[in-house]
Amino acid sequence: MKTIIKNTLAAAALAVSVAAGAQNTRSGYFVEDYTYRFQMNPAFGNSRGFVSMPGLGNLNLGVNGNLHVTDVLYNLGNGTTTFMNPGVNTADFLNRISDVSKLRVNTKIDIFSIGFKGFGGYNTINVNARADVGVNLPKSFFSLLKEGISNQTYAIDDLAARGMGYAEVALGHSHDITKEWRIGVTAKFLVGGANIDAKLHNANLTLGTDSWTVTSDAEINSSLKGLTYETEINENTNHRYVSGAEVDGAGIGGYGFAVDLGVIYKPAALKDWTFSASLLDLGFINWSNNMLASTNGPKTFDTDKYTFNVDDNAPNSFDREWDKIQDSLSALYELEDMGDQGSRTTSLATTFNVGAEYAFPLYRKLSFGLLNTTRLNGAYSWTDFRLSANIAPVKFFDASVNVAAGTFGMGFGWLLNLHTPGGNIFLGMDHTLNKVSKEFVPLSSNASLNFGLNFLF
């Protein structure tokens, strides 16, 4: 069982290694001169054209999650220890853990971008490197690790990790269709780099006084050019199982297509209000290969099949029966190399934004906005509500401060945006960095930094 968990978490680590950041800062959604807000709603058009500083036009670093460093590391005595330490109270620890602990890393690194007016509206061209990573850890997983083998039932369902990395070339256009309505669309051509999907469908443990029953069902699907699984022989069962992976000559893994759709509505009857909505990353990637490692269906171990005899010479002596039990237990975690299953198609993680902005009538340079962002990605979905105050006191500077609540808890965000006639620089955080360890490691798994440098024309 520990080896199944180890293999699943190894896949999660491999997935996480392809990403290190978060997408566009949602703190800039209502900041009119924030250069990249068209990537959150393609109906937004900038007042001026721009060209990005290569690699620095829109740089994001961050992570989201509801499992924090302070949930798994504790200060006891004069040192730091993990939750596994007997000195950490089991009930107190488990009360701090959510039913499903989640980690999400969604990255968009701007390689090159340009925006300009023309064709009756505003146009954008973007080249981005992207990654979408998610890890789910059910509470029962931590219960088993903390409590150990005891007379209980554990149902470790849907422990999973998923990671996808790809490049995109995006062409966007937006324009007014009436005085009240503006629409936008972005077409994206995708080049897949890697897709890894690891699932422990279930690991049910019934650990009684007189018998044990254990069932496991796990698989890893990997689409990565040049990837092969490393295998070893299980000495107990004499079966070959997957012990790792290696990549030789990675290249293009597949191709795909996606669209962003956006709309803005400014009702004449409600001149102080603006409503907007967008649907992002509605698309797919077709991968050329799928390397499958699997338990090949559920595997079950039951100790009541075994009987023990105190006579060392008996066919069912303790030593011989114990060897059989070890063989059966080790078979539970054997992931077989099922080979290349051929091409497969995966959808992108689609994001839905809905916003409402109110311009303060007594000082129209001040507005208040409410934004909901929901990422639709099956078991890896999340949502975020953000209430902001936005101000543009002078022509060359605007800013936003906001509070957020959602899947990953509460947060405080902000954005500062400077835009002179020749250039634009912005700095912001969707989740402001709070306490850190002495090694400067964030104690919360919610942290972000957004920085950009662009030339305006």
Protein backbone atom coordinates (compact mmCIF):
# COMPACT_ATOMS: atom_id res chain seq x y z
CA MET A 1 0.00 0.00 0.00
CA LYS A 2 2.82 2.41 0.81
CA THR A 3 4.35 1.68 -2.58
CA ILE A 4 1.09 2.50 -4.40
CA ILE A 5 1.03 5.82 -2.55
CA LYS A 6 4.71 6.38 -3.31
CA ASN A 7 4.19 5.77 -7.04
CA THR A 8 1.16 8.06 -7.13
CA LEU A 9 2.97 10.86 -5.31
CA ALA A 10 6.02 10.39 -7.54
CA ALA A 11 3.77 11.03 -10.52
CA ALA A 12 2.43 14.10 -8.73
CA ALA A 13 5.96 15.38 -8.20
CA LEU A 14 6.75 14.83 -11.87
CA ALA A 15 3.62 16.74 -12.81
CA VAL A 16 4.39 19.62 -10.46
CA SER A 17 7.92 19.90 -11.86
CA VAL A 18 6.56 21.26 -15.15
CA ALA A 19 5.03 24.33 -13.48
CA ALA A 20 5.90 27.03 -11.01
CA GLY A 21 3.30 29.74 -11.10
CA ALA A 22 -0.21 31.07 -11.45
CA GLN A 23 -2.14 32.60 -14.34
CA ASN A 24 -3.00 36.27 -14.84
CA THR A 25 -3.69 38.09 -11.62
CA ARG A 26 -7.41 38.36 -10.99
CA SER A 27 -6.63 41.54 -9.05
CA GLY A 28 -6.31 43.29 -12.42
CA TYR A 29 -9.67 42.29 -13.88
CA PHE A 30 -11.29 45.70 -13.20
CA VAL A 31 -8.14 47.81 -13.73
CA GLU A 32 -8.85 49.39 -17.11
CA ASP A 33 -5.24 49.97 -18.13
CA TYR A 34 -3.91 46.62 -16.88
CA THR A 35 -2.28 45.42 -20.11
CA TYR A 36 -3.18 41.73 -19.86
CA ARG A 37 -6.76 41.75 -18.68
CA PHE A 38 -7.82 40.68 -22.20
CA GLN A 39 -6.44 37.26 -21.25
CA MET A 40 -9.15 37.03 -18.56
CA ASN A 41 -11.87 38.28 -20.92
CA PRO A 42 -11.11 38.62 -24.65
CA ALA A 43 -13.79 41.33 -24.99
CA PHE A 44 -11.52 43.76 -23.11
CA GLY A 45 -9.50 46.02 -25.41
CA ASN A 46 -6.61 48.25 -24.35
CA SER A 47 -6.60 51.99 -24.97
CA ARG A 48 -3.15 51.75 -26.58
CA GLY A 49 -1.04 49.22 -28.41
CA PHE A 50 1.76 47.36 -26.63
CA VAL A 51 4.72 45.05 -27.16
CA SER A 52 5.92 42.88 -24.31
CA MET A 53 9.42 42.60 -22.98
CA PRO A 54 10.25 39.00 -24.03
CA GLY A 55 9.85 36.70 -21.05
CA LEU A 56 8.96 39.59 -18.70
CA GLY A 57 5.75 40.93 -20.21
CA ASN A 58 3.59 38.99 -17.78
CA LEU A 59 5.53 36.94 -15.21
CA ASN A 60 3.60 35.00 -12.57
CA LEU A 61 4.84 32.99 -9.60
CA GLY A 62 2.52 31.32 -7.12
CA VAL A 63 0.52 28.37 -5.87
CA ASN A 64 -2.96 27.67 -4.44
CA GLY A 65 -4.00 25.01 -1.96
CA ASN A 66 -5.87 24.20 1.24
CA LEU A 67 -3.04 22.11 2.77
CA HIS A 68 -0.51 24.41 4.39
CA VAL A 69 2.99 23.96 5.76
CA THR A 70 1.66 24.58 9.26
CA ASP A 71 -0.74 21.64 8.82
CA VAL A 72 2.06 19.10 8.36
CA LEU A 73 5.02 20.64 10.22
CA TYR A 74 4.96 21.35 13.95
CA ASN A 75 7.29 22.99 16.45
CA LEU A 76 7.88 20.59 19.34
CA GLY A 77 10.46 21.36 21.97
CA ASN A 78 13.44 22.99 20.30
CA GLY A 79 12.90 21.56 16.83
CA THR A 80 10.53 21.14 13.90
CA THR A 81 8.88 17.81 13.20
CA THR A 82 6.19 16.36 10.95
CA PHE A 83 2.63 15.38 11.86
CA MET A 84 3.86 11.76 12.10
CA ASN A 85 5.60 12.53 15.38
CA PRO A 86 3.78 10.78 18.31
CA GLY A 87 3.92 14.08 20.18
CA VAL A 88 1.44 15.59 17.70
CA ASN A 89 -2.10 14.85 18.86
CA THR A 90 -3.95 12.74 16.27
CA ALA A 91 -7.37 14.34 16.76
CA ASP A 92 -5.96 17.88 16.63
CA PHE A 93 -4.05 17.10 13.44
CA LEU A 94 -6.99 15.46 11.63
CA ASN A 95 -9.30 18.35 12.59
CA ARG A 96 -7.02 20.68 10.63
CA ILE A 97 -7.14 18.56 7.46
CA SER A 98 -9.88 19.09 4.85
CA ASP A 99 -11.88 16.18 3.45
CA VAL A 100 -9.80 16.59 0.29
CA SER A 101 -6.47 18.41 0.47
CA LYS A 102 -5.84 20.22 -2.80
CA LEU A 103 -2.83 21.77 -4.50
CA ARG A 104 -3.22 23.72 -7.74
CA VAL A 105 -0.48 25.26 -9.86
CA ASN A 106 -1.62 26.99 -13.07
CA THR A 107 1.07 28.74 -15.08
CA LYS A 108 1.12 31.05 -18.08
CA ILE A 109 4.55 32.42 -18.98
CA ASP A 110 4.42 35.16 -21.59
CA ILE A 111 7.10 34.55 -24.22
CA PHE A 112 5.99 37.33 -26.56
CA SER A 113 2.84 39.46 -26.88
CA ILE A 114 1.65 42.35 -28.98
CA GLY A 115 -1.62 44.29 -29.04
CA PHE A 116 -2.82 46.93 -31.51
CA LYS A 117 -5.92 48.68 -32.81
CA GLY A 118 -7.23 47.74 -36.25
CA PHE A 119 -9.86 45.82 -38.22
CA GLY A 120 -12.56 47.77 -36.41
CA GLY A 121 -11.46 46.78 -32.92
CA TYR A 122 -8.50 45.66 -30.80
CA ASN A 123 -6.21 42.74 -31.75
CA THR A 124 -3.72 40.65 -29.82
CA ILE A 125 -1.09 38.04 -30.65
CA ASN A 126 0.38 35.95 -27.83
CA VAL A 127 2.92 33.16 -27.57
CA ASN A 128 2.75 31.48 -24.15
CA ALA A 129 4.15 28.49 -22.30
CA ARG A 130 1.51 26.99 -20.03
CA ALA A 131 1.06 24.28 -17.44
CA ASP A 132 -1.88 23.04 -15.40
CA VAL A 133 -1.17 20.89 -12.34
CA GLY A 134 -3.42 19.47 -9.64
CA VAL A 135 -2.97 17.09 -6.69
CA ASN A 136 -5.81 15.67 -4.54
CA LEU A 137 -5.15 13.92 -1.22
CA PRO A 138 -8.20 12.50 0.63
CA LYS A 139 -8.33 12.88 4.40
CA SER A 140 -8.28 9.11 4.85
CA PHE A 141 -4.77 9.12 3.36
CA PHE A 142 -3.52 11.23 6.28
CA SER A 143 -5.55 9.16 8.75
CA LEU A 144 -3.76 6.00 7.66
CA LEU A 145 -0.33 7.66 7.81
CA LYS A 146 -0.97 9.13 11.27
CA GLU A 147 -2.88 6.29 12.93
CA GLY A 148 -0.98 3.43 11.32
CA ILE A 149 -2.28 -0.13 11.19
CA SER A 150 -5.16 -0.34 13.65
CA ASN A 151 -8.49 -2.13 13.81
CA GLN A 152 -10.30 0.25 11.50
CA THR A 153 -11.63 0.66 7.97
CA TYR A 154 -9.89 3.07 5.63
CA ALA A 155 -11.35 4.06 2.25
CA ILE A 156 -8.66 5.97 0.36
CA ASP A 157 -10.64 6.94 -2.74
CA ASP A 158 -9.55 9.26 -5.53
CA LEU A 159 -6.02 10.06 -4.45
CA ALA A 160 -4.82 11.62 -7.68
CA ALA A 161 -2.35 13.87 -9.45
CA ARG A 162 -2.55 15.43 -12.90
CA GLY A 163 -0.16 17.62 -14.87
CA MET A 164 -0.22 19.05 -18.38
CA GLY A 165 2.31 21.32 -20.11
CA TYR A 166 1.91 22.89 -23.53
CA ALA A 167 2.64 25.95 -25.67
CA GLU A 168 0.04 28.15 -27.33
CA VAL A 169 -0.14 30.72 -30.10
CA ALA A 170 -3.21 32.89 -29.50
CA LEU A 171 -4.88 35.33 -31.92
CA GLY A 172 -7.51 37.63 -30.38
CA HIS A 173 -9.94 40.26 -31.60
CA SER A 174 -12.60 42.36 -29.85
CA HIS A 175 -14.95 45.12 -31.00
CA ASP A 176 -18.16 46.96 -30.14
CA ILE A 177 -21.32 45.64 -31.76
CA THR A 178 -23.58 48.31 -30.21
CA LYS A 179 -23.10 51.15 -27.72
CA GLU A 180 -24.01 48.69 -24.98
CA TRP A 181 -22.39 45.44 -26.11
CA ARG A 182 -18.81 44.45 -26.85
CA ILE A 183 -17.63 40.94 -27.76
CA GLY A 184 -14.28 39.22 -28.11
CA VAL A 185 -12.83 35.90 -29.21
CA THR A 186 -9.37 34.38 -29.10
CA ALA A 187 -8.35 31.36 -31.18
CA LYS A 188 -5.53 29.25 -29.74
CA PHE A 189 -3.32 26.78 -31.53
CA LEU A 190 -1.74 24.36 -29.06
CA VAL A 191 1.42 22.25 -29.07
CA GLY A 192 1.43 19.60 -26.35
CA GLY A 193 4.53 18.87 -24.29
CA ALA A 194 3.39 16.42 -21.59
CA ASN A 195 0.30 15.04 -19.90
CA ILE A 196 0.42 12.85 -16.80
CA ASP A 197 -2.66 11.53 -14.97
CA ALA A 198 -2.15 9.33 -11.89
CA LYS A 199 -5.12 7.88 -10.00
CA LEU A 200 -5.50 5.64 -7.00
CA HIS A 201 -9.14 4.84 -7.75
CA ASN A 202 -9.55 3.15 -4.40
CA ALA A 203 -7.58 1.47 -1.66
CA ASN A 204 -10.02 -0.04 0.80
CA LEU A 205 -8.55 -1.44 4.01
CA THR A 206 -10.58 -3.37 6.57
CA LEU A 207 -8.16 -4.17 9.39
CA GLY A 208 -9.92 -6.38 11.90
CA THR A 209 -8.68 -8.36 14.89
CA ASP A 210 -9.03 -11.74 13.18
CA SER A 211 -8.63 -10.85 9.50
CA TRP A 212 -7.56 -8.17 7.04
CA THR A 213 -9.11 -7.36 3.69
CA VAL A 214 -7.27 -4.98 1.37
CA THR A 215 -8.28 -3.91 -2.15
CA SER A 216 -6.35 -1.61 -4.49
CA ASP A 217 -6.98 -0.22 -7.99
CA ALA A 218 -4.52 2.30 -9.49
CA GLU A 219 -3.23 3.52 -12.84
CA ILE A 220 -0.95 6.14 -14.41
CA ASN A 221 -1.51 7.49 -17.94
CA SER A 222 1.49 9.35 -19.38
CA SER A 223 1.66 11.15 -22.71
CA LEU A 224 5.22 12.37 -23.09
CA LYS A 225 7.43 11.82 -26.11
CA GLY A 226 10.35 9.53 -25.30
CA LEU A 227 8.95 8.34 -21.94
CA THR A 228 9.39 4.72 -20.91
CA TYR A 229 8.67 3.05 -17.60
CA GLU A 230 11.47 1.47 -15.61
CA THR A 231 10.59 -1.96 -14.23
CA GLU A 232 11.93 -4.38 -11.62
CA ILE A 233 11.19 -7.94 -10.59
CA ASN A 234 9.21 -8.33 -7.35
CA GLU A 235 11.17 -10.98 -5.46
CA ASN A 236 8.06 -12.10 -3.59
CA THR A 237 5.80 -12.66 -6.61
CA ASN A 238 8.38 -12.96 -9.40
CA HIS A 239 6.29 -10.43 -11.35
CA ARG A 240 7.72 -7.41 -13.15
CA TYR A 241 6.32 -4.07 -11.95
CA VAL A 242 6.85 -0.35 -12.68
CA SER A 243 9.46 1.18 -10.37
CA GLY A 244 10.03 4.53 -12.11
CA ALA A 245 10.20 6.36 -15.43
CA GLU A 246 12.80 7.88 -17.71
CA VAL A 247 12.60 10.24 -20.68
CA ASP A 248 14.87 9.99 -23.71
CA GLY A 249 14.64 12.67 -26.39
CA ALA A 250 11.40 14.39 -25.42
CA GLY A 251 9.62 16.28 -28.20
CA ILE A 252 6.18 17.36 -29.36
CA GLY A 253 3.55 15.18 -27.72
CA GLY A 254 0.45 16.34 -29.56
CA TYR A 255 -1.56 19.17 -31.06
CA GLY A 256 -4.81 20.89 -30.13
CA PHE A 257 -7.10 23.87 -30.43
CA ALA A 258 -9.01 26.10 -28.00
CA VAL A 259 -11.03 29.31 -27.92
CA ASP A 260 -11.70 32.10 -25.42
CA LEU A 261 -15.08 33.84 -25.59
CA GLY A 262 -15.99 37.11 -23.88
CA VAL A 263 -18.74 39.69 -23.63
CA ILE A 264 -19.17 43.11 -21.95
CA TYR A 265 -22.53 44.78 -21.33
CA LYS A 266 -22.93 48.44 -20.34
CA PRO A 267 -26.69 49.08 -20.04
CA ALA A 268 -27.75 52.61 -20.93
CA ALA A 269 -30.37 52.53 -18.19
CA LEU A 270 -27.68 51.74 -15.59
CA LYS A 271 -24.86 54.02 -16.68
CA ASP A 272 -22.80 53.34 -13.54
CA TRP A 273 -22.76 49.57 -14.06
CA THR A 274 -20.72 47.27 -16.31
CA PHE A 275 -21.30 43.52 -16.54
CA SER A 276 -18.94 41.03 -18.13
CA ALA A 277 -18.46 37.30 -18.62
CA SER A 278 -15.94 35.03 -20.31
CA LEU A 279 -15.29 31.38 -21.03
CA LEU A 280 -11.59 30.57 -21.37
CA ASP A 281 -9.66 27.58 -22.70
CA LEU A 282 -12.58 25.74 -24.23
CA GLY A 283 -10.61 23.13 -26.17
CA PHE A 284 -8.53 19.97 -26.30
CA ILE A 285 -5.16 18.40 -27.11
CA ASN A 286 -4.79 15.11 -28.97
CA TRP A 287 -1.73 13.25 -27.68
CA SER A 288 0.15 10.87 -29.97
CA ASN A 289 0.88 8.27 -27.28
CA ASN A 290 -0.37 7.03 -23.92
CA MET A 291 2.00 4.98 -21.77
CA LEU A 292 -0.18 3.11 -19.27
CA ALA A 293 0.93 1.64 -15.95
CA SER A 294 -1.85 -0.11 -14.05
CA THR A 295 -2.75 -2.67 -11.43
CA ASN A 296 -4.82 -4.07 -14.32
CA GLY A 297 -8.06 -3.91 -12.36
CA PRO A 298 -8.77 -4.25 -8.63
CA LYS A 299 -6.49 -6.51 -6.61
CA THR A 300 -7.61 -8.01 -3.31
CA PHE A 301 -5.83 -9.54 -0.34
CA ASP A 302 -7.73 -11.39 2.43
CA THR A 303 -5.96 -12.96 5.42
CA ASP A 304 -8.79 -15.38 6.26
CA LYS A 305 -7.54 -17.52 3.37
CA TYR A 306 -4.55 -18.46 5.46
CA THR A 307 -4.27 -20.85 8.40
CA PHE A 308 -1.27 -21.31 10.65
CA ASN A 309 0.19 -24.43 12.19
CA VAL A 310 2.67 -24.36 15.07
CA ASP A 311 4.39 -27.41 13.57
CA ASP A 312 7.37 -26.05 11.60
CA ASN A 313 7.25 -29.09 9.30
CA ALA A 314 3.57 -28.72 8.40
CA PRO A 315 2.62 -27.44 4.90
CA ASN A 316 0.88 -24.49 6.58
CA SER A 317 3.57 -23.71 9.13
CA PHE A 318 3.77 -20.11 10.32
CA ASP A 319 6.88 -19.31 8.25
CA ARG A 320 5.39 -20.76 5.04
CA GLU A 321 2.02 -19.07 5.49
CA TRP A 322 3.69 -15.76 6.32
CA ASP A 323 5.69 -15.98 3.09
CA LYS A 324 2.41 -16.46 1.19
CA ILE A 325 0.88 -13.43 2.92
CA GLN A 326 3.87 -11.31 1.94
CA ASP A 327 3.54 -12.47 -1.65
CA SER A 328 -0.16 -11.55 -1.75
CA LEU A 329 0.40 -8.17 -0.09
CA SER A 330 3.20 -7.18 -2.43
CA ALA A 331 1.01 -7.97 -5.45
CA LEU A 332 -1.33 -5.14 -4.39
CA TYR A 333 1.09 -2.41 -5.41
CA GLU A 334 2.41 -3.90 -8.63
CA LEU A 335 1.69 -1.47 -11.46
CA GLU A 336 2.23 -3.35 -14.71
CA ASP A 337 3.72 -1.68 -17.77
CA MET A 338 0.79 -1.97 -20.17
CA GLY A 339 2.72 -0.32 -23.01
CA ASP A 340 1.61 2.36 -25.45
CA GLN A 341 -2.18 2.47 -25.70
CA GLY A 342 -2.13 4.76 -28.73
CA SER A 343 -3.39 8.32 -29.06
CA ARG A 344 -5.76 9.94 -26.57
CA THR A 345 -7.54 13.29 -26.32
CA THR A 346 -7.76 15.39 -23.15
CA SER A 347 -9.72 18.59 -22.56
CA LEU A 348 -8.20 21.76 -21.15
CA ALA A 349 -9.16 23.12 -17.75
CA THR A 350 -11.87 25.61 -18.76
CA THR A 351 -12.27 28.81 -16.71
CA PHE A 352 -15.49 30.82 -16.34
CA ASN A 353 -15.36 34.48 -15.24
CA VAL A 354 -18.39 36.60 -14.28
CA GLY A 355 -17.92 40.20 -13.20
CA ALA A 356 -19.94 43.25 -12.19
CA GLU A 357 -18.42 46.72 -11.74
CA TYR A 358 -20.00 49.82 -10.23
CA ALA A 359 -18.50 53.27 -10.89
CA PHE A 360 -18.89 55.51 -7.86
CA PRO A 361 -21.00 58.44 -9.14
CA LEU A 362 -19.49 61.04 -6.75
CA TYR A 363 -15.94 60.19 -7.85
CA ARG A 364 -15.94 58.30 -11.13
CA LYS A 365 -12.25 57.49 -10.91
CA LEU A 366 -13.24 55.03 -8.18
CA SER A 367 -15.12 51.79 -8.85
CA PHE A 368 -16.06 48.63 -7.00
CA GLY A 369 -16.05 45.21 -8.61
CA LEU A 370 -17.22 41.69 -7.81
CA LEU A 371 -15.62 38.84 -9.74
CA ASN A 372 -16.28 35.11 -9.62
CA THR A 373 -13.72 32.82 -11.23
CA THR A 374 -14.55 29.12 -11.50
CA ARG A 375 -12.15 26.61 -12.98
CA LEU A 376 -13.98 23.61 -14.43
CA ASN A 377 -11.68 20.61 -14.31
CA GLY A 378 -13.51 17.63 -12.81
CA ALA A 379 -12.03 16.60 -9.47
CA TYR A 380 -9.52 19.45 -9.79
CA SER A 381 -12.12 22.26 -10.04
CA TRP A 382 -12.01 25.34 -7.83
CA THR A 383 -13.80 28.67 -7.41
CA ASP A 384 -12.84 32.15 -6.20
CA PHE A 385 -14.97 35.20 -5.29
CA ARG A 386 -13.17 38.55 -5.22
CA LEU A 387 -14.52 41.95 -4.07
CA SER A 388 -12.33 44.86 -5.14
CA ALA A 389 -11.95 48.62 -4.95
CA ASN A 390 -10.28 50.13 -8.01
CA ILE A 391 -8.95 53.64 -8.49
CA ALA A 392 -7.33 55.67 -11.29
CA PRO A 393 -6.48 59.02 -9.65
CA VAL A 394 -4.23 60.19 -12.52
CA LYS A 395 -3.86 59.28 -16.19
CA PHE A 396 -0.63 57.32 -15.74
CA PHE A 397 -1.46 55.27 -12.63
CA ASP A 398 -4.22 52.95 -11.41
CA ALA A 399 -4.52 50.36 -8.68
CA SER A 400 -6.76 47.76 -7.08
CA VAL A 401 -7.14 46.23 -3.61
CA ASN A 402 -9.40 43.23 -3.02
CA VAL A 403 -10.42 40.45 -0.66
CA ALA A 404 -11.07 36.89 -1.85
CA ALA A 405 -12.87 33.83 -0.57
CA GLY A 406 -13.32 30.42 -2.16
CA THR A 407 -12.00 26.89 -2.40
CA PHE A 408 -8.60 27.88 -1.03
CA GLY A 409 -9.87 30.04 1.81
CA MET A 410 -9.58 33.78 2.41
CA GLY A 411 -7.02 36.07 0.83
CA PHE A 412 -6.00 39.67 0.23
CA GLY A 413 -4.92 40.90 -3.21
CA TRP A 414 -3.64 44.09 -4.82
CA LEU A 415 -2.25 45.50 -8.05
CA LEU A 416 -0.21 48.65 -8.83
CA ASN A 417 -0.13 49.65 -12.50
CA LEU A 418 2.05 52.43 -13.96
CA HIS A 419 1.57 53.33 -17.63
CA THR A 420 3.51 56.26 -19.07
CA PRO A 421 3.40 57.20 -22.79
CA GLY A 422 6.31 54.88 -23.56
CA GLY A 423 5.98 51.99 -21.16
CA ASN A 424 4.00 49.95 -18.64
CA ILE A 425 5.11 48.25 -15.45
CA PHE A 426 2.84 46.47 -12.98
CA LEU A 427 3.24 44.57 -9.74
CA GLY A 428 0.60 42.69 -7.78
CA MET A 429 -0.49 39.69 -5.73
CA ASP A 430 -3.75 37.75 -5.70
CA HIS A 431 -2.75 36.23 -2.36
CA THR A 432 -0.44 38.46 -0.36
CA LEU A 433 2.48 36.64 1.19
CA ASN A 434 1.85 36.22 4.91
CA LYS A 435 4.09 34.47 7.42
CA VAL A 436 7.20 32.67 6.22
CA SER A 437 9.65 30.29 7.85
CA LYS A 438 13.21 31.32 8.66
CA GLU A 439 14.15 29.71 5.32
CA PHE A 440 11.61 32.12 3.68
CA VAL A 441 9.22 29.27 2.81
CA PRO A 442 5.56 30.49 2.85
CA LEU A 443 3.63 28.88 5.71
CA SER A 444 0.43 29.13 3.66
CA SER A 445 0.03 27.30 0.33
CA ASN A 446 -1.65 30.43 -1.10
CA ALA A 447 0.91 32.89 -2.42
CA SER A 448 1.43 34.71 -5.72
CA LEU A 449 3.45 37.44 -7.40
CA ASN A 450 2.61 39.10 -10.75
CA PHE A 451 5.12 41.36 -12.51
CA GLY A 452 5.16 42.77 -16.02
CA LEU A 453 7.16 45.11 -18.21
CA ASN A 454 5.77 46.27 -21.58
CA PHE A 455 6.28 48.99 -24.19
CA LEU A 456 3.27 51.10 -25.18
CA PHE A 457 2.59 52.86 -28.47
